[in-house]
Amino acid sequence: MLHYTELPAEVLNLLRRGVVIPAMPLALDNKRQFLPINQRALVRYYLDAGARGIAVGVHSTQFEIRNP
């Protein structure tokens, strides 16, 4: 695991200034199939809104995608 002191100075300075790095939800249809066009649109939306990065592969429990 990377320690914060190992980050490049430019990245560390951005983080210290308080940049936004949203978590990336997965774009799925009602049958839980991946929607690549919608996923690209979501990335463009975040970047156009000023996000300085996107956290991909973040576990999210806000949406139920399966039966426990």
C-alpha atoms as a PDB file:
ATOM      1  CA  MET A   1       0.000   0.000   0.000  1.00  0.00           C
ATOM      2  CA  LEU A   2       1.275   3.447  -0.928  1.00  0.00           C
ATOM      3  CA  HIS A   3       2.076   5.825   1.936  1.00  0.00           C
ATOM      4  CA  TYR A   4       1.117   9.465   1.387  1.00  0.00           C
ATOM      5  CA  THR A   5       4.774  10.507   1.588  1.00  0.00           C
ATOM      6  CA  GLU A   6       5.413   8.435  -1.558  1.00  0.00           C
ATOM      7  CA  LEU A   7       2.956  10.479  -3.640  1.00  0.00           C
ATOM      8  CA  PRO A   8       4.427  12.838  -6.232  1.00  0.00           C
ATOM      9  CA  ALA A   9       4.593  16.413  -4.895  1.00  0.00           C
ATOM     10  CA  GLU A  10       2.096  17.644  -7.509  1.00  0.00           C
ATOM     11  CA  VAL A  11      -0.502  15.057  -6.444  1.00  0.00           C
ATOM     12  CA  LEU A  12       0.047  15.711  -2.754  1.00  0.00           C
ATOM     13  CA  ASN A  13      -0.351  19.471  -3.285  1.00  0.00           C
ATOM     14  CA  LEU A  14      -3.647  18.928  -5.154  1.00  0.00           C
ATOM     15  CA  LEU A  15      -4.968  16.745  -2.347  1.00  0.00           C
ATOM     16  CA  ARG A  16      -3.944  19.269   0.285  1.00  0.00           C
ATOM     17  CA  ARG A  17      -5.829  21.999  -1.595  1.00  0.00           C
ATOM     18  CA  GLY A  18      -8.983  19.861  -1.411  1.00  0.00           C
ATOM     19  CA  VAL A  19      -9.691  18.476  -4.860  1.00  0.00           C
ATOM     20  CA  VAL A  20     -12.780  16.385  -5.575  1.00  0.00           C
ATOM     21  CA  ILE A  21     -12.247  12.721  -6.451  1.00  0.00           C
ATOM     22  CA  PRO A  22     -15.702  11.078  -6.670  1.00  0.00           C
ATOM     23  CA  ALA A  23     -16.293   7.347  -6.504  1.00  0.00           C
ATOM     24  CA  MET A  24     -17.366   5.811  -9.814  1.00  0.00           C
ATOM     25  CA  PRO A  25     -20.708   3.989  -9.717  1.00  0.00           C
ATOM     26  CA  LEU A  26     -21.094   1.207 -12.254  1.00  0.00           C
ATOM     27  CA  ALA A  27     -23.546   1.946 -15.092  1.00  0.00           C
ATOM     28  CA  LEU A  28     -25.937  -1.008 -15.307  1.00  0.00           C
ATOM     29  CA  ASP A  29     -29.308  -1.516 -16.964  1.00  0.00           C
ATOM     30  CA  ASN A  30     -32.321  -3.020 -15.223  1.00  0.00           C
ATOM     31  CA  LYS A  31     -30.975  -6.513 -16.046  1.00  0.00           C
ATOM     32  CA  ARG A  32     -27.641  -5.607 -14.391  1.00  0.00           C
ATOM     33  CA  GLN A  33     -25.796  -5.565 -17.712  1.00  0.00           C
ATOM     34  CA  PHE A  34     -22.908  -3.124 -18.123  1.00  0.00           C
ATOM     35  CA  LEU A  35     -23.646   0.004 -20.204  1.00  0.00           C
ATOM     36  CA  PRO A  36     -20.323   1.262 -21.646  1.00  0.00           C
ATOM     37  CA  ILE A  37     -21.833   4.341 -23.332  1.00  0.00           C
ATOM     38  CA  ASN A  38     -23.456   5.410 -20.062  1.00  0.00           C
ATOM     39  CA  GLN A  39     -20.207   4.731 -18.189  1.00  0.00           C
ATOM     40  CA  ARG A  40     -18.273   6.991 -20.571  1.00  0.00           C
ATOM     41  CA  ALA A  41     -20.931   9.685 -20.186  1.00  0.00           C
ATOM     42  CA  LEU A  42     -20.569   9.494 -16.405  1.00  0.00           C
ATOM     43  CA  VAL A  43     -16.786   9.899 -16.644  1.00  0.00           C
ATOM     44  CA  ARG A  44     -17.199  12.902 -18.971  1.00  0.00           C
ATOM     45  CA  TYR A  45     -19.724  14.427 -16.561  1.00  0.00           C
ATOM     46  CA  TYR A  46     -17.349  14.134 -13.595  1.00  0.00           C
ATOM     47  CA  LEU A  47     -14.394  15.540 -15.529  1.00  0.00           C
ATOM     48  CA  ASP A  48     -16.438  18.388 -17.033  1.00  0.00           C
ATOM     49  CA  ALA A  49     -17.697  19.234 -13.545  1.00  0.00           C
ATOM     50  CA  GLY A  50     -14.101  19.729 -12.389  1.00  0.00           C
ATOM     51  CA  ALA A  51     -13.212  16.454 -10.697  1.00  0.00           C
ATOM     52  CA  ARG A  52      -9.443  15.990 -10.589  1.00  0.00           C
ATOM     53  CA  GLY A  53      -9.674  12.196 -10.577  1.00  0.00           C
ATOM     54  CA  ILE A  54     -12.104   9.318 -10.257  1.00  0.00           C
ATOM     55  CA  ALA A  55     -11.971   6.540  -7.675  1.00  0.00           C
ATOM     56  CA  VAL A  56     -12.679   3.337  -9.614  1.00  0.00           C
ATOM     57  CA  GLY A  57     -13.463   0.032  -7.931  1.00  0.00           C
ATOM     58  CA  VAL A  58     -14.750   1.597  -4.724  1.00  0.00           C
ATOM     59  CA  HIS A  59     -17.210  -0.626  -2.873  1.00  0.00           C
ATOM     60  CA  SER A  60     -20.600   1.025  -2.630  1.00  0.00           C
ATOM     61  CA  THR A  61     -23.613  -0.181  -0.700  1.00  0.00           C
ATOM     62  CA  GLN A  62     -25.964   2.606  -1.713  1.00  0.00           C
ATOM     63  CA  PHE A  63     -27.475   0.520  -4.526  1.00  0.00           C
ATOM     64  CA  GLU A  64     -28.800  -2.985  -4.153  1.00  0.00           C
ATOM     65  CA  ILE A  65     -27.515  -5.021  -7.102  1.00  0.00           C
ATOM     66  CA  ARG A  66     -28.075  -8.524  -5.764  1.00  0.00           C
ATOM     67  CA  ASN A  67     -30.090 -10.438  -3.203  1.00  0.00           C
ATOM     68  CA  PRO A  68     -28.060 -11.090  -0.022  1.00  0.00           C
END
